[in-house]
Amino acid sequence: MDNNNHKSIIKPKERYIEISSGDMTRIAGISKETTNSQNIHLAIATIPPGKSSSAHFHVNCESAIYVLSGNGIFIAGEKLDKHNKINEGDFIYVPPNAPHKPVNTNNDKPLILIVSRNQPTEIVKEIPDEKELNKIKNPVDCSIINLITENKSNSSTKKTDGVTSINADTKNISMTKLIIEPSKTTSAHNHANYESAIFVVKGKGLFISNERLDSHQNIEKNDFIYISKNLSHKISNTDSINQLEIIIARNIRI
């Protein structure tokens, strides 16, 4: 536990299945139940080969998504009439009242998505037919941010802006990718105005936190990390050869 009595690291065995939508299953990592997070939520959604979620929209929250692996089609648009190709490394922004339906077009591999939202509980409305689609008040479109290379770097890290105000009309959510080079560490800092949720894509290291930075917790691939407001922290890549890659979701517009 950190000094704010929030659990910081969620290991794979501590996740739980929270929802199924069509053939998509979503497993929560960072949630109110696992970490007492207030306005950030981070989960893994898996769609089996050749399957899809149901068509739906979110009433009360924004979502930011990262395509962890696989490829498919992200159906969106006010009338679900836009078929956007998505591949590993792409980001997706889903505002409230945006109809959407991710589809796995690969017949061999699952489509795996890292999904964040800026509310502890989402209100989801299914869209079973065109009649229900026409009932959505002020429907909007989603934004697909196709594979982009890192755009901010220094000797220690490489950052890729995914779901940000640069690439989408976000209000209170963002998602970026950060690569920490071998044997490097981020600078110590805290966030006064927002929470963060992190998924470790690959690598291993230490999550160093608390006011005196005296809490050292091991992190590795498939771990989730929760960072509450005002928690001093830094992340260290303890591997001397391989990079540490993380996806960071925040309940703030950047």
C-alpha atoms as a PDB file:
ATOM      1  CA  MET A   1       0.000   0.000   0.000  1.00  0.00           C
ATOM      2  CA  ASP A   2       1.128   3.578  -0.552  1.00  0.00           C
ATOM      3  CA  ASN A   3       0.851   6.351   1.977  1.00  0.00           C
ATOM      4  CA  ASN A   4      -2.695   7.169   0.858  1.00  0.00           C
ATOM      5  CA  ASN A   5      -3.881   3.623   1.590  1.00  0.00           C
ATOM      6  CA  HIS A   6      -4.339   2.883  -2.097  1.00  0.00           C
ATOM      7  CA  LYS A   7      -3.067  -0.378  -3.516  1.00  0.00           C
ATOM      8  CA  SER A   8      -0.624   0.532  -6.261  1.00  0.00           C
ATOM      9  CA  ILE A   9       0.260  -2.690  -8.087  1.00  0.00           C
ATOM     10  CA  ILE A  10      -2.326  -5.123  -9.449  1.00  0.00           C
ATOM     11  CA  LYS A  11      -0.943  -8.488 -10.539  1.00  0.00           C
ATOM     12  CA  PRO A  12      -2.725 -10.697 -13.133  1.00  0.00           C
ATOM     13  CA  LYS A  13      -4.236 -12.955 -10.454  1.00  0.00           C
ATOM     14  CA  GLU A  14      -5.880  -9.924  -8.800  1.00  0.00           C
ATOM     15  CA  ARG A  15      -7.900  -8.884 -11.849  1.00  0.00           C
ATOM     16  CA  TYR A  16     -11.566  -9.760 -12.225  1.00  0.00           C
ATOM     17  CA  ILE A  17     -14.025 -10.191 -15.092  1.00  0.00           C
ATOM     18  CA  GLU A  18     -16.302  -7.181 -15.007  1.00  0.00           C
ATOM     19  CA  ILE A  19     -18.397  -7.315 -18.153  1.00  0.00           C
ATOM     20  CA  SER A  20     -19.084  -9.145 -21.387  1.00  0.00           C
ATOM     21  CA  SER A  21     -20.408  -7.379 -24.466  1.00  0.00           C
ATOM     22  CA  GLY A  22     -21.301  -9.688 -27.315  1.00  0.00           C
ATOM     23  CA  ASP A  23     -18.257 -11.947 -27.600  1.00  0.00           C
ATOM     24  CA  MET A  24     -15.938  -9.436 -25.921  1.00  0.00           C
ATOM     25  CA  THR A  25     -14.796 -10.047 -22.340  1.00  0.00           C
ATOM     26  CA  ARG A  26     -13.326  -7.238 -20.261  1.00  0.00           C
ATOM     27  CA  ILE A  27     -11.117  -7.837 -17.225  1.00  0.00           C
ATOM     28  CA  ALA A  28     -10.548  -4.966 -14.782  1.00  0.00           C
ATOM     29  CA  GLY A  29      -7.093  -4.055 -13.529  1.00  0.00           C
ATOM     30  CA  ILE A  30      -7.434  -0.556 -12.088  1.00  0.00           C
ATOM     31  CA  SER A  31     -10.883   0.032 -10.622  1.00  0.00           C
ATOM     32  CA  LYS A  32     -12.598   1.301  -7.510  1.00  0.00           C
ATOM     33  CA  GLU A  33     -12.752  -2.307  -6.315  1.00  0.00           C
ATOM     34  CA  THR A  34      -9.051  -3.138  -6.791  1.00  0.00           C
ATOM     35  CA  THR A  35      -7.333   0.166  -5.950  1.00  0.00           C
ATOM     36  CA  ASN A  36     -10.037   2.553  -4.712  1.00  0.00           C
ATOM     37  CA  SER A  37      -9.460   4.698  -7.785  1.00  0.00           C
ATOM     38  CA  GLN A  38     -11.981   7.510  -8.060  1.00  0.00           C
ATOM     39  CA  ASN A  39     -12.158   8.666 -11.670  1.00  0.00           C
ATOM     40  CA  ILE A  40      -9.839   6.446 -13.679  1.00  0.00           C
ATOM     41  CA  HIS A  41     -10.439   2.866 -14.730  1.00  0.00           C
ATOM     42  CA  LEU A  42      -8.199   0.578 -16.799  1.00  0.00           C
ATOM     43  CA  ALA A  43      -8.992  -2.879 -18.149  1.00  0.00           C
ATOM     44  CA  ILE A  44      -8.101  -5.486 -20.783  1.00  0.00           C
ATOM     45  CA  ALA A  45     -10.744  -6.378 -23.361  1.00  0.00           C
ATOM     46  CA  THR A  46     -10.375  -9.523 -25.446  1.00  0.00           C
ATOM     47  CA  ILE A  47     -12.331 -10.392 -28.592  1.00  0.00           C
ATOM     48  CA  PRO A  48     -11.862 -13.949 -29.922  1.00  0.00           C
ATOM     49  CA  PRO A  49     -10.917 -14.608 -33.565  1.00  0.00           C
ATOM     50  CA  GLY A  50     -13.697 -13.727 -35.993  1.00  0.00           C
ATOM     51  CA  LYS A  51     -15.941 -12.286 -33.268  1.00  0.00           C
ATOM     52  CA  SER A  52     -17.063  -8.831 -32.070  1.00  0.00           C
ATOM     53  CA  SER A  53     -18.563  -6.930 -29.203  1.00  0.00           C
ATOM     54  CA  SER A  54     -22.156  -5.825 -29.413  1.00  0.00           C
ATOM     55  CA  ALA A  55     -22.875  -2.359 -30.798  1.00  0.00           C
ATOM     56  CA  HIS A  56     -23.212   0.080 -27.914  1.00  0.00           C
ATOM     57  CA  PHE A  57     -22.415   3.543 -26.576  1.00  0.00           C
ATOM     58  CA  HIS A  58     -21.416   5.056 -23.230  1.00  0.00           C
ATOM     59  CA  VAL A  59     -23.675   7.634 -21.629  1.00  0.00           C
ATOM     60  CA  ASN A  60     -21.521   9.064 -18.855  1.00  0.00           C
ATOM     61  CA  CYS A  61     -17.833   8.726 -19.722  1.00  0.00           C
ATOM     62  CA  GLU A  62     -15.050   9.157 -22.226  1.00  0.00           C
ATOM     63  CA  SER A  63     -12.880   6.193 -23.137  1.00  0.00           C
ATOM     64  CA  ALA A  64      -9.350   5.906 -24.479  1.00  0.00           C
ATOM     65  CA  ILE A  65      -8.198   2.636 -26.035  1.00  0.00           C
ATOM     66  CA  TYR A  66      -4.880   1.136 -27.091  1.00  0.00           C
ATOM     67  CA  VAL A  67      -4.680  -1.833 -29.472  1.00  0.00           C
ATOM     68  CA  LEU A  68      -2.306  -4.130 -27.615  1.00  0.00           C
ATOM     69  CA  SER A  69      -2.323  -6.933 -30.186  1.00  0.00           C
ATOM     70  CA  GLY A  70      -4.256  -8.175 -33.189  1.00  0.00           C
ATOM     71  CA  ASN A  71      -6.143  -6.331 -35.876  1.00  0.00           C
ATOM     72  CA  GLY A  72      -9.705  -5.668 -36.882  1.00  0.00           C
ATOM     73  CA  ILE A  73     -12.361  -3.121 -37.697  1.00  0.00           C
ATOM     74  CA  PHE A  74     -13.667  -0.443 -35.351  1.00  0.00           C
ATOM     75  CA  ILE A  75     -17.188   0.334 -36.528  1.00  0.00           C
ATOM     76  CA  ALA A  76     -18.237   3.848 -35.548  1.00  0.00           C
ATOM     77  CA  GLY A  77     -20.019   6.941 -36.832  1.00  0.00           C
ATOM     78  CA  GLU A  78     -23.399   8.432 -35.966  1.00  0.00           C
ATOM     79  CA  LYS A  79     -25.110   5.660 -37.929  1.00  0.00           C
ATOM     80  CA  LEU A  80     -22.433   3.001 -37.396  1.00  0.00           C
ATOM     81  CA  ASP A  81     -21.519   3.550 -41.022  1.00  0.00           C
ATOM     82  CA  LYS A  82     -17.755   3.985 -40.700  1.00  0.00           C
ATOM     83  CA  HIS A  83     -15.501   0.933 -40.796  1.00  0.00           C
ATOM     84  CA  ASN A  84     -12.061   1.909 -39.491  1.00  0.00           C
ATOM     85  CA  LYS A  85      -9.135  -0.498 -39.749  1.00  0.00           C
ATOM     86  CA  ILE A  86      -7.249  -0.923 -36.470  1.00  0.00           C
ATOM     87  CA  ASN A  87      -3.921  -2.610 -35.846  1.00  0.00           C
ATOM     88  CA  GLU A  88      -1.500  -3.180 -33.003  1.00  0.00           C
ATOM     89  CA  GLY A  89      -0.190   0.158 -31.752  1.00  0.00           C
ATOM     90  CA  ASP A  90      -3.256   2.215 -32.717  1.00  0.00           C
ATOM     91  CA  PHE A  91      -5.172   4.412 -30.270  1.00  0.00           C
ATOM     92  CA  ILE A  92      -8.918   5.117 -30.212  1.00  0.00           C
ATOM     93  CA  TYR A  93     -10.892   7.909 -28.546  1.00  0.00           C
ATOM     94  CA  VAL A  94     -14.545   7.218 -27.687  1.00  0.00           C
ATOM     95  CA  PRO A  95     -16.561  10.210 -26.428  1.00  0.00           C
ATOM     96  CA  PRO A  96     -19.962   9.884 -24.729  1.00  0.00           C
ATOM     97  CA  ASN A  97     -22.866   9.082 -27.073  1.00  0.00           C
ATOM     98  CA  ALA A  98     -20.544   7.617 -29.712  1.00  0.00           C
ATOM     99  CA  PRO A  99     -21.931   4.374 -31.201  1.00  0.00           C
ATOM    100  CA  HIS A 100     -19.195   1.798 -31.751  1.00  0.00           C
ATOM    101  CA  LYS A 101     -18.468  -1.873 -32.219  1.00  0.00           C
ATOM    102  CA  PRO A 102     -14.965  -3.402 -32.341  1.00  0.00           C
ATOM    103  CA  VAL A 103     -14.674  -6.425 -34.623  1.00  0.00           C
ATOM    104  CA  ASN A 104     -11.841  -8.962 -34.760  1.00  0.00           C
ATOM    105  CA  THR A 105     -11.321  -9.727 -38.441  1.00  0.00           C
ATOM    106  CA  ASN A 106      -8.457 -12.129 -37.758  1.00  0.00           C
ATOM    107  CA  ASN A 107      -9.484 -15.780 -37.839  1.00  0.00           C
ATOM    108  CA  ASP A 108      -6.494 -16.997 -35.843  1.00  0.00           C
ATOM    109  CA  LYS A 109      -5.572 -14.488 -33.141  1.00  0.00           C
ATOM    110  CA  PRO A 110      -7.557 -12.563 -30.509  1.00  0.00           C
ATOM    111  CA  LEU A 111      -7.925  -8.801 -30.660  1.00  0.00           C
ATOM    112  CA  ILE A 112      -6.733  -7.393 -27.325  1.00  0.00           C
ATOM    113  CA  LEU A 113      -7.475  -3.833 -26.258  1.00  0.00           C
ATOM    114  CA  ILE A 114      -6.357  -1.772 -23.250  1.00  0.00           C
ATOM    115  CA  VAL A 115      -9.449   0.257 -22.335  1.00  0.00           C
ATOM    116  CA  SER A 116      -9.613   3.239 -19.982  1.00  0.00           C
ATOM    117  CA  ARG A 117     -12.465   5.489 -18.889  1.00  0.00           C
ATOM    118  CA  ASN A 118     -12.814   8.527 -16.633  1.00  0.00           C
ATOM    119  CA  GLN A 119     -15.630   7.244 -14.424  1.00  0.00           C
ATOM    120  CA  PRO A 120     -15.591   4.444 -11.823  1.00  0.00           C
ATOM    121  CA  THR A 121     -18.832   3.023 -13.248  1.00  0.00           C
ATOM    122  CA  GLU A 122     -19.973   3.331 -16.827  1.00  0.00           C
ATOM    123  CA  ILE A 123     -23.522   3.491 -18.114  1.00  0.00           C
ATOM    124  CA  VAL A 124     -23.686   1.423 -21.298  1.00  0.00           C
ATOM    125  CA  LYS A 125     -26.569   1.327 -23.751  1.00  0.00           C
ATOM    126  CA  GLU A 126     -26.751  -1.562 -26.195  1.00  0.00           C
ATOM    127  CA  ILE A 127     -27.810  -0.888 -29.796  1.00  0.00           C
ATOM    128  CA  PRO A 128     -29.660  -4.007 -30.955  1.00  0.00           C
ATOM    129  CA  ASP A 129     -31.141  -2.463 -34.103  1.00  0.00           C
ATOM    130  CA  GLU A 130     -31.448   0.681 -36.230  1.00  0.00           C
ATOM    131  CA  LYS A 131     -34.481   1.820 -34.254  1.00  0.00           C
ATOM    132  CA  GLU A 132     -32.421   2.065 -31.071  1.00  0.00           C
ATOM    133  CA  LEU A 133     -29.589   3.725 -32.994  1.00  0.00           C
ATOM    134  CA  ASN A 134     -31.947   6.513 -34.053  1.00  0.00           C
ATOM    135  CA  LYS A 135     -32.888   7.177 -30.419  1.00  0.00           C
ATOM    136  CA  ILE A 136     -29.394   8.350 -29.430  1.00  0.00           C
ATOM    137  CA  LYS A 137     -29.465  12.056 -28.614  1.00  0.00           C
ATOM    138  CA  ASN A 138     -26.704  14.017 -30.337  1.00  0.00           C
ATOM    139  CA  PRO A 139     -24.647  11.020 -31.492  1.00  0.00           C
ATOM    140  CA  VAL A 140     -20.976  11.666 -32.262  1.00  0.00           C
ATOM    141  CA  ASP A 141     -18.090   9.885 -33.958  1.00  0.00           C
ATOM    142  CA  CYS A 142     -15.007   8.239 -32.486  1.00  0.00           C
ATOM    143  CA  SER A 143     -11.413   9.163 -33.368  1.00  0.00           C
ATOM    144  CA  ILE A 144      -8.965   6.566 -34.658  1.00  0.00           C
ATOM    145  CA  ILE A 145      -5.310   7.479 -34.119  1.00  0.00           C
ATOM    146  CA  ASN A 146      -3.425   5.065 -36.333  1.00  0.00           C
ATOM    147  CA  LEU A 147       0.046   3.772 -35.516  1.00  0.00           C
ATOM    148  CA  ILE A 148       2.359   6.681 -34.836  1.00  0.00           C
ATOM    149  CA  THR A 149       5.995   6.879 -33.815  1.00  0.00           C
ATOM    150  CA  GLU A 150       7.252   8.450 -30.624  1.00  0.00           C
ATOM    151  CA  ASN A 151       7.181  12.243 -30.772  1.00  0.00           C
ATOM    152  CA  LYS A 152       8.943  13.262 -27.559  1.00  0.00           C
ATOM    153  CA  SER A 153      12.179  11.710 -26.406  1.00  0.00           C
ATOM    154  CA  ASN A 154      15.319  12.188 -24.359  1.00  0.00           C
ATOM    155  CA  SER A 155      18.185   9.957 -23.317  1.00  0.00           C
ATOM    156  CA  SER A 156      15.986   8.098 -20.799  1.00  0.00           C
ATOM    157  CA  THR A 157      12.504   7.869 -22.335  1.00  0.00           C
ATOM    158  CA  LYS A 158      10.483   7.943 -25.543  1.00  0.00           C
ATOM    159  CA  LYS A 159       6.893   9.190 -25.416  1.00  0.00           C
ATOM    160  CA  THR A 160       4.098   8.699 -27.947  1.00  0.00           C
ATOM    161  CA  ASP A 161       1.028  10.935 -27.778  1.00  0.00           C
ATOM    162  CA  GLY A 162      -1.984   8.714 -28.468  1.00  0.00           C
ATOM    163  CA  VAL A 163      -5.317  10.009 -27.186  1.00  0.00           C
ATOM    164  CA  THR A 164      -4.536  13.668 -26.474  1.00  0.00           C
ATOM    165  CA  SER A 165      -5.904  17.076 -27.442  1.00  0.00           C
ATOM    166  CA  ILE A 166      -3.465  16.982 -30.368  1.00  0.00           C
ATOM    167  CA  ASN A 167      -5.168  13.965 -31.941  1.00  0.00           C
ATOM    168  CA  ALA A 168      -8.772  14.075 -30.662  1.00  0.00           C
ATOM    169  CA  ASP A 169     -11.364  16.394 -29.151  1.00  0.00           C
ATOM    170  CA  THR A 170     -10.897  15.042 -25.638  1.00  0.00           C
ATOM    171  CA  LYS A 171     -12.361  16.626 -22.506  1.00  0.00           C
ATOM    172  CA  ASN A 172     -11.082  14.755 -19.434  1.00  0.00           C
ATOM    173  CA  ILE A 173      -9.079  11.739 -20.565  1.00  0.00           C
ATOM    174  CA  SER A 174      -5.772  10.958 -22.233  1.00  0.00           C
ATOM    175  CA  MET A 175      -3.650   7.948 -23.110  1.00  0.00           C
ATOM    176  CA  THR A 176       0.022   7.834 -24.055  1.00  0.00           C
ATOM    177  CA  LYS A 177       2.798   5.280 -24.489  1.00  0.00           C
ATOM    178  CA  LEU A 178       6.109   5.626 -22.683  1.00  0.00           C
ATOM    179  CA  ILE A 179       9.272   3.622 -23.305  1.00  0.00           C
ATOM    180  CA  ILE A 180      11.937   3.727 -20.591  1.00  0.00           C
ATOM    181  CA  GLU A 181      15.372   2.821 -21.864  1.00  0.00           C
ATOM    182  CA  PRO A 182      17.468   0.074 -20.210  1.00  0.00           C
ATOM    183  CA  SER A 183      18.823   1.015 -16.762  1.00  0.00           C
ATOM    184  CA  LYS A 184      17.054   4.415 -16.877  1.00  0.00           C
ATOM    185  CA  THR A 185      14.555   6.002 -14.484  1.00  0.00           C
ATOM    186  CA  THR A 186      11.908   8.683 -14.901  1.00  0.00           C
ATOM    187  CA  SER A 187      12.207  11.814 -12.792  1.00  0.00           C
ATOM    188  CA  ALA A 188      10.372  11.853  -9.452  1.00  0.00           C
ATOM    189  CA  HIS A 189       7.120  13.804  -9.571  1.00  0.00           C
ATOM    190  CA  ASN A 190       3.459  13.833  -8.516  1.00  0.00           C
ATOM    191  CA  HIS A 191       0.118  14.793 -10.063  1.00  0.00           C
ATOM    192  CA  ALA A 192      -1.877  17.290  -8.038  1.00  0.00           C
ATOM    193  CA  ASN A 193      -4.966  17.336 -10.243  1.00  0.00           C
ATOM    194  CA  TYR A 194      -5.460  13.848 -11.648  1.00  0.00           C
ATOM    195  CA  GLU A 195      -5.052  10.097 -11.223  1.00  0.00           C
ATOM    196  CA  SER A 196      -3.107   7.799 -13.532  1.00  0.00           C
ATOM    197  CA  ALA A 197      -3.483   4.148 -14.450  1.00  0.00           C
ATOM    198  CA  ILE A 198      -0.696   2.208 -16.144  1.00  0.00           C
ATOM    199  CA  PHE A 199      -0.421  -1.108 -17.964  1.00  0.00           C
ATOM    200  CA  VAL A 200       3.009  -2.698 -18.382  1.00  0.00           C
ATOM    201  CA  VAL A 201       3.259  -3.887 -21.981  1.00  0.00           C
ATOM    202  CA  LYS A 202       6.725  -5.385 -21.705  1.00  0.00           C
ATOM    203  CA  GLY A 203       9.822  -5.326 -19.565  1.00  0.00           C
ATOM    204  CA  LYS A 204      10.429  -5.189 -15.835  1.00  0.00           C
ATOM    205  CA  GLY A 205      11.392  -2.607 -13.263  1.00  0.00           C
ATOM    206  CA  LEU A 206      10.547  -0.845 -10.030  1.00  0.00           C
ATOM    207  CA  PHE A 207       7.670   1.429  -9.076  1.00  0.00           C
ATOM    208  CA  ILE A 208       9.188   3.802  -6.521  1.00  0.00           C
ATOM    209  CA  SER A 209       6.743   5.891  -4.499  1.00  0.00           C
ATOM    210  CA  ASN A 210       5.734   7.680  -1.283  1.00  0.00           C
ATOM    211  CA  GLU A 211       6.747  11.101   0.024  1.00  0.00           C
ATOM    212  CA  ARG A 212      10.291   9.915   0.722  1.00  0.00           C
ATOM    213  CA  LEU A 213      10.353   7.593  -2.293  1.00  0.00           C
ATOM    214  CA  ASP A 214      11.054   4.739   0.085  1.00  0.00           C
ATOM    215  CA  SER A 215       8.527   2.230  -1.317  1.00  0.00           C
ATOM    216  CA  HIS A 216      10.023  -0.051  -3.983  1.00  0.00           C
ATOM    217  CA  GLN A 217       7.673  -2.486  -5.735  1.00  0.00           C
ATOM    218  CA  ASN A 218       8.614  -4.849  -8.542  1.00  0.00           C
ATOM    219  CA  ILE A 219       6.699  -4.460 -11.787  1.00  0.00           C
ATOM    220  CA  GLU A 220       6.702  -6.631 -14.886  1.00  0.00           C
ATOM    221  CA  LYS A 221       4.795  -7.381 -18.077  1.00  0.00           C
ATOM    222  CA  ASN A 222       0.979  -7.495 -17.621  1.00  0.00           C
ATOM    223  CA  ASP A 223       0.995  -5.632 -14.293  1.00  0.00           C
ATOM    224  CA  PHE A 224      -1.282  -2.657 -13.653  1.00  0.00           C
ATOM    225  CA  ILE A 225      -0.135   0.389 -11.666  1.00  0.00           C
ATOM    226  CA  TYR A 226      -2.418   2.911  -9.977  1.00  0.00           C
ATOM    227  CA  ILE A 227      -1.125   6.394  -9.127  1.00  0.00           C
ATOM    228  CA  SER A 228      -3.369   8.490  -6.911  1.00  0.00           C
ATOM    229  CA  LYS A 229      -3.334  12.277  -6.734  1.00  0.00           C
ATOM    230  CA  ASN A 230      -0.294  13.783  -5.006  1.00  0.00           C
ATOM    231  CA  LEU A 231       1.591  10.475  -4.802  1.00  0.00           C
ATOM    232  CA  SER A 232       5.288  11.098  -5.388  1.00  0.00           C
ATOM    233  CA  HIS A 233       6.673   8.442  -7.691  1.00  0.00           C
ATOM    234  CA  LYS A 234       9.095   7.406 -10.382  1.00  0.00           C
ATOM    235  CA  ILE A 235       9.539   4.295 -12.519  1.00  0.00           C
ATOM    236  CA  SER A 236      12.849   2.569 -13.031  1.00  0.00           C
ATOM    237  CA  ASN A 237      13.809   0.084 -15.736  1.00  0.00           C
ATOM    238  CA  THR A 238      15.985  -2.455 -13.917  1.00  0.00           C
ATOM    239  CA  ASP A 239      16.867  -4.375 -17.081  1.00  0.00           C
ATOM    240  CA  SER A 240      20.253  -3.466 -18.557  1.00  0.00           C
ATOM    241  CA  ILE A 241      19.345  -4.723 -22.042  1.00  0.00           C
ATOM    242  CA  ASN A 242      15.609  -4.454 -22.749  1.00  0.00           C
ATOM    243  CA  GLN A 243      13.222  -1.499 -22.791  1.00  0.00           C
ATOM    244  CA  LEU A 244      10.338  -1.062 -20.340  1.00  0.00           C
ATOM    245  CA  GLU A 245       7.155  -0.147 -22.232  1.00  0.00           C
ATOM    246  CA  ILE A 246       4.015   1.174 -20.514  1.00  0.00           C
ATOM    247  CA  ILE A 247       0.616   2.580 -21.482  1.00  0.00           C
ATOM    248  CA  ILE A 248      -0.522   5.505 -19.308  1.00  0.00           C
ATOM    249  CA  ALA A 249      -4.151   6.628 -18.940  1.00  0.00           C
ATOM    250  CA  ARG A 250      -5.047   9.838 -17.097  1.00  0.00           C
ATOM    251  CA  ASN A 251      -8.344  11.477 -16.182  1.00  0.00           C
ATOM    252  CA  ILE A 252      -7.234  14.809 -17.576  1.00  0.00           C
ATOM    253  CA  ARG A 253      -6.944  16.421 -20.984  1.00  0.00           C
ATOM    254  CA  ILE A 254      -3.364  16.886 -22.165  1.00  0.00           C
END
